[in-house]
Structure formats: C-alpha cells, structure tokens
C-alpha cells in the first residue's frame, strides 16, 4: 500500500465534509493507495497525462471534490479537498445592469 500524503490544508478541509462524503472520498483514496481507481475518479481537465485525478460527490445539493495525484510511485498525494461554491460552473458572473 502506498503512503497517503496530505498537501496543505487538504486533510483538514476534508474533515469538514459530511460523513457520507468523507466515506466516498476516503474509499477513493484507499483504492488509489492500493493501485486502483474509484469508478467516479476522473482525470482533472488541463493535466493530461500528469496522473492528477478528481473525485466528485454530491450531497444534499452541494458538490464536494478531492484532487489527488498518483504520478509518484511511492505515495498518493492529496492536493486539494473542497466544497464547490458556485452553482453555475466555472462561468464568471455577469454584471448586473438593472
């Protein structure tokens, strides 16, 4: 089993997730440590071939994400864990002209 290394505040951030979400994310990270891949783990856009994956879980209308890399053979690095705040995707909000 590969070591799990938390980068920055990713561990503390994930601890704030609802228990159901922590279970999904924890299982995904466990599978990564074992050399596997969770069914919901997808390559993160913009990191082609870099071994950076993202797991997304929805809970009670909120979306949670964990980003990790399996590029290194000695460990799985958890880069980010966060709750997605925007309800409109990555789009920049338009100015209000009313």
Protein backbone atom coordinates (compact mmCIF):
# COMPACT_ATOMS: atom_id res chain seq x y z
CA UNK A 1 0.00 0.00 0.00
CA UNK A 2 1.34 3.41 -0.97
CA UNK A 3 1.65 6.17 1.61
CA UNK A 4 -1.04 8.88 1.66
CA UNK A 5 0.40 12.39 1.88
CA UNK A 6 -1.84 15.39 2.54
CA UNK A 7 -0.71 18.65 0.94
CA UNK A 8 -1.50 21.99 2.56
CA UNK A 9 -4.87 22.06 4.31
CA UNK A 10 -6.39 19.20 2.28
CA UNK A 11 -6.75 16.88 5.29
CA UNK A 12 -8.39 19.50 7.49
CA UNK A 13 -10.62 20.57 4.61
CA UNK A 14 -11.79 17.02 4.01
CA UNK A 15 -12.51 16.55 7.72
CA UNK A 16 -15.14 19.29 7.34
CA UNK A 17 -17.07 17.27 4.74
CA UNK A 18 -20.29 15.44 5.70
CA UNK A 19 -19.67 11.86 6.88
CA UNK A 20 -21.22 10.32 3.74
CA UNK A 21 -18.89 12.37 1.53
CA UNK A 22 -15.85 11.52 3.66
CA UNK A 23 -16.68 7.84 3.20
CA UNK A 24 -16.74 8.15 -0.60
CA UNK A 25 -13.56 10.23 -0.72
CA UNK A 26 -11.79 8.00 1.79
CA UNK A 27 -12.63 4.89 -0.20
CA UNK A 28 -11.42 6.53 -3.42
CA UNK A 29 -8.11 7.43 -1.77
CA UNK A 30 -7.79 3.92 -0.32
CA UNK A 31 -8.25 2.43 -3.80
CA UNK A 32 -5.60 4.81 -5.15
CA UNK A 33 -3.20 3.69 -2.41
CA UNK A 34 -3.83 0.09 -3.47
CA UNK A 35 -3.10 0.93 -7.12
CA UNK A 36 -6.76 1.02 -8.16
CA UNK A 37 -9.17 3.70 -9.25
CA UNK A 38 -12.63 4.60 -7.93
CA UNK A 39 -15.41 4.44 -10.56
CA UNK A 40 -16.04 8.17 -10.08
CA UNK A 41 -12.35 9.19 -10.32
CA UNK A 42 -11.71 11.16 -13.49
CA UNK A 43 -8.58 12.84 -14.89
CA UNK A 44 -8.58 16.51 -13.95
CA UNK A 45 -9.02 18.70 -17.00
CA UNK A 46 -5.85 20.51 -18.03
CA UNK A 47 -3.49 17.89 -16.56
CA UNK A 48 -3.36 15.37 -19.41
CA UNK A 49 -1.03 12.53 -18.64
CA UNK A 50 0.04 14.00 -15.30
CA UNK A 51 -1.79 11.41 -13.20
CA UNK A 52 -3.95 14.04 -11.46
CA UNK A 53 -7.40 12.71 -10.65
CA UNK A 54 -10.55 14.21 -9.21
CA UNK A 55 -13.34 12.53 -7.29
CA UNK A 56 -16.65 14.39 -7.10
CA UNK A 57 -19.51 13.61 -4.73
CA UNK A 58 -22.86 15.37 -4.37
CA UNK A 59 -24.61 15.54 -1.02
CA UNK A 60 -27.82 17.41 -0.20
CA UNK A 61 -27.43 19.76 -3.16
CA UNK A 62 -23.75 20.53 -2.54
CA UNK A 63 -20.78 19.26 -4.53
CA UNK A 64 -17.52 18.15 -2.93
CA UNK A 65 -14.23 17.43 -4.67
CA UNK A 66 -10.93 15.80 -3.83
CA UNK A 67 -7.96 16.18 -6.17
CA UNK A 68 -5.02 13.83 -5.89
CA UNK A 69 -2.07 12.59 -7.89
CA UNK A 70 -0.89 9.04 -8.45
CA UNK A 71 2.04 10.13 -10.59
CA UNK A 72 4.63 9.20 -7.99
CA UNK A 73 5.27 5.54 -7.27
CA UNK A 74 5.96 5.99 -3.55
CA UNK A 75 2.79 7.81 -2.45
CA UNK A 76 -0.61 9.25 -3.28
CA UNK A 77 -0.64 13.00 -2.75
CA UNK A 78 -3.95 14.63 -1.84
CA UNK A 79 -3.62 18.09 -3.36
CA UNK A 80 -6.99 19.69 -2.60
CA UNK A 81 -10.29 18.92 -0.93
CA UNK A 82 -13.06 21.47 -1.20
CA UNK A 83 -16.75 22.16 -1.49
CA UNK A 84 -17.70 23.70 -4.79
CA UNK A 85 -19.42 27.00 -4.04
CA UNK A 86 -20.59 28.14 -7.47
CA UNK A 87 -23.95 26.88 -8.68
CA UNK A 88 -23.14 27.99 -12.25
CA UNK A 89 -19.96 26.08 -13.04
CA UNK A 90 -16.75 27.93 -13.83
CA UNK A 91 -18.51 30.77 -15.58
CA UNK A 92 -17.71 34.31 -14.42
CA UNK A 93 -20.75 36.16 -13.20
CA UNK A 94 -22.12 38.88 -15.47
CA UNK A 95 -22.50 42.45 -14.25
CA UNK A 96 -25.99 43.45 -13.20
CA UNK A 97 -27.26 46.27 -15.43
CA UNK A 98 -30.67 46.72 -13.85
